[in-house]
Amino acid sequence: MKTWVSVLAIIGGLFGIGSGFLVTAAGSLFGENEMANDGSLMFWLSALAMILGFTAWKFPKVSGTAIIVIGLLGLWYNGLFYLIGFIFLLISGILAFRIPKKEEAA
């Protein structure tokens, strides 16, 4: 289960990085500064989502919530360009909540 959270977060993050790059490039090309800023924001947040996929092993609830929020922000800022990344990040965030806790031996 832990492995799938990381794999899906990486796949979603890569699609998000690609989406952020395309939106940033299109915004710069057409002189839309707000569009370019939104694309660059999602570029870096998608990179953060990939890191959060690994921190979900230790902090599943916090990381899972952050991954879902990044997915929703990506859908809001980049629209349908971010749809595939959103799907993978949403699944990854939901799976992060299902990571079982290890019980420590006393």
Protein backbone atom coordinates (compact mmCIF):
# COMPACT_ATOMS: atom_id res chain seq x y z
CA MET A 1 0.00 0.00 0.00
CA LYS A 2 2.79 2.45 0.89
CA THR A 3 4.48 1.83 -2.42
CA TRP A 4 1.34 2.64 -4.39
CA VAL A 5 0.95 5.97 -2.64
CA SER A 6 4.45 6.98 -3.70
CA VAL A 7 4.13 5.63 -7.24
CA LEU A 8 0.80 7.36 -7.85
CA ALA A 9 2.10 10.61 -6.32
CA ILE A 10 5.12 10.49 -8.62
CA ILE A 11 3.00 9.84 -11.70
CA GLY A 12 0.54 12.58 -10.73
CA GLY A 13 3.42 14.92 -9.95
CA LEU A 14 5.05 14.30 -13.32
CA PHE A 15 1.80 15.03 -15.13
CA GLY A 16 1.41 18.12 -12.96
CA ILE A 17 4.93 19.30 -13.76
CA GLY A 18 4.20 18.86 -17.46
CA SER A 19 0.91 20.72 -17.10
CA GLY A 20 2.56 23.52 -15.13
CA PHE A 21 5.25 23.86 -17.76
CA LEU A 22 2.73 24.02 -20.60
CA VAL A 23 0.53 26.58 -18.85
CA THR A 24 3.56 28.69 -17.92
CA ALA A 25 4.89 28.58 -21.48
CA ALA A 26 1.49 29.44 -22.97
CA GLY A 27 1.01 32.29 -20.49
CA SER A 28 4.42 33.72 -21.33
CA LEU A 29 3.86 33.29 -25.06
CA PHE A 30 0.53 35.13 -25.05
CA GLY A 31 1.52 37.76 -22.49
CA GLU A 32 -0.84 36.51 -19.78
CA ASN A 33 1.16 37.02 -16.58
CA GLU A 34 -1.50 35.57 -14.28
CA MET A 35 -1.66 32.40 -16.36
CA ALA A 36 2.12 32.08 -16.31
CA ASN A 37 2.18 32.57 -12.53
CA ASP A 38 -0.51 29.93 -11.98
CA GLY A 39 1.38 27.47 -14.18
CA SER A 40 4.65 28.01 -12.34
CA LEU A 41 2.88 27.63 -8.98
CA MET A 42 1.50 24.28 -10.06
CA PHE A 43 4.90 23.24 -11.41
CA TRP A 44 6.44 23.61 -7.94
CA LEU A 45 3.44 22.25 -6.04
CA SER A 46 3.52 19.14 -8.23
CA ALA A 47 7.17 18.65 -7.33
CA LEU A 48 6.16 18.99 -3.68
CA ALA A 49 3.41 16.38 -4.20
CA MET A 50 6.03 13.86 -5.32
CA ILE A 51 7.98 14.43 -2.10
CA LEU A 52 4.79 14.18 -0.04
CA GLY A 53 4.20 10.74 -1.56
CA PHE A 54 7.24 9.53 0.35
CA THR A 55 6.49 11.39 3.56
CA ALA A 56 3.10 9.64 3.59
CA TRP A 57 4.92 6.57 4.88
CA LYS A 58 5.63 8.36 8.16
CA PHE A 59 2.79 10.93 8.29
CA PRO A 60 -0.09 9.44 6.28
CA LYS A 61 -2.92 11.76 7.30
CA VAL A 62 -1.03 15.04 6.90
CA SER A 63 0.61 14.02 3.64
CA GLY A 64 -2.59 12.52 2.25
CA THR A 65 -4.50 15.72 2.98
CA ALA A 66 -1.75 17.84 1.42
CA ILE A 67 -1.68 15.66 -1.72
CA ILE A 68 -5.46 15.97 -2.13
CA VAL A 69 -5.28 19.75 -1.63
CA ILE A 70 -2.51 20.05 -4.24
CA GLY A 71 -4.61 18.01 -6.66
CA LEU A 72 -7.62 20.27 -6.13
CA LEU A 73 -5.51 23.42 -6.46
CA GLY A 74 -4.05 22.09 -9.71
CA LEU A 75 -7.50 21.47 -11.10
CA TRP A 76 -8.56 24.98 -10.06
CA TYR A 77 -5.50 26.82 -11.40
CA ASN A 78 -4.62 24.80 -14.52
CA GLY A 79 -8.03 23.42 -15.41
CA LEU A 80 -8.30 20.43 -17.69
CA PHE A 81 -4.56 20.51 -18.41
CA TYR A 82 -4.14 19.12 -14.89
CA LEU A 83 -6.90 16.48 -15.07
CA ILE A 84 -4.67 13.39 -15.32
CA GLY A 85 -2.39 14.65 -12.57
CA PHE A 86 -5.46 15.39 -10.43
CA ILE A 87 -6.78 11.85 -10.83
CA PHE A 88 -3.49 10.25 -9.80
CA LEU A 89 -2.97 12.64 -6.88
CA LEU A 90 -6.52 12.14 -5.65
CA ILE A 91 -6.13 8.36 -5.64
CA SER A 92 -2.74 8.69 -3.96
CA GLY A 93 -4.13 10.97 -1.26
CA ILE A 94 -7.03 8.64 -0.55
CA LEU A 95 -4.72 5.62 -0.35
CA ALA A 96 -2.48 7.50 2.10
CA PHE A 97 -5.31 7.45 4.63
CA ARG A 98 -5.43 3.65 4.36
CA ILE A 99 -1.80 3.07 5.34
CA PRO A 100 -1.90 0.95 8.50
CA LYS A 101 -0.05 2.18 11.58
CA LYS A 102 2.75 0.03 12.93
CA GLU A 103 2.25 -0.95 16.51
CA GLU A 104 5.42 -0.63 18.55
CA ALA A 105 6.45 -3.52 20.76
CA ALA A 106 6.60 -2.55 24.43
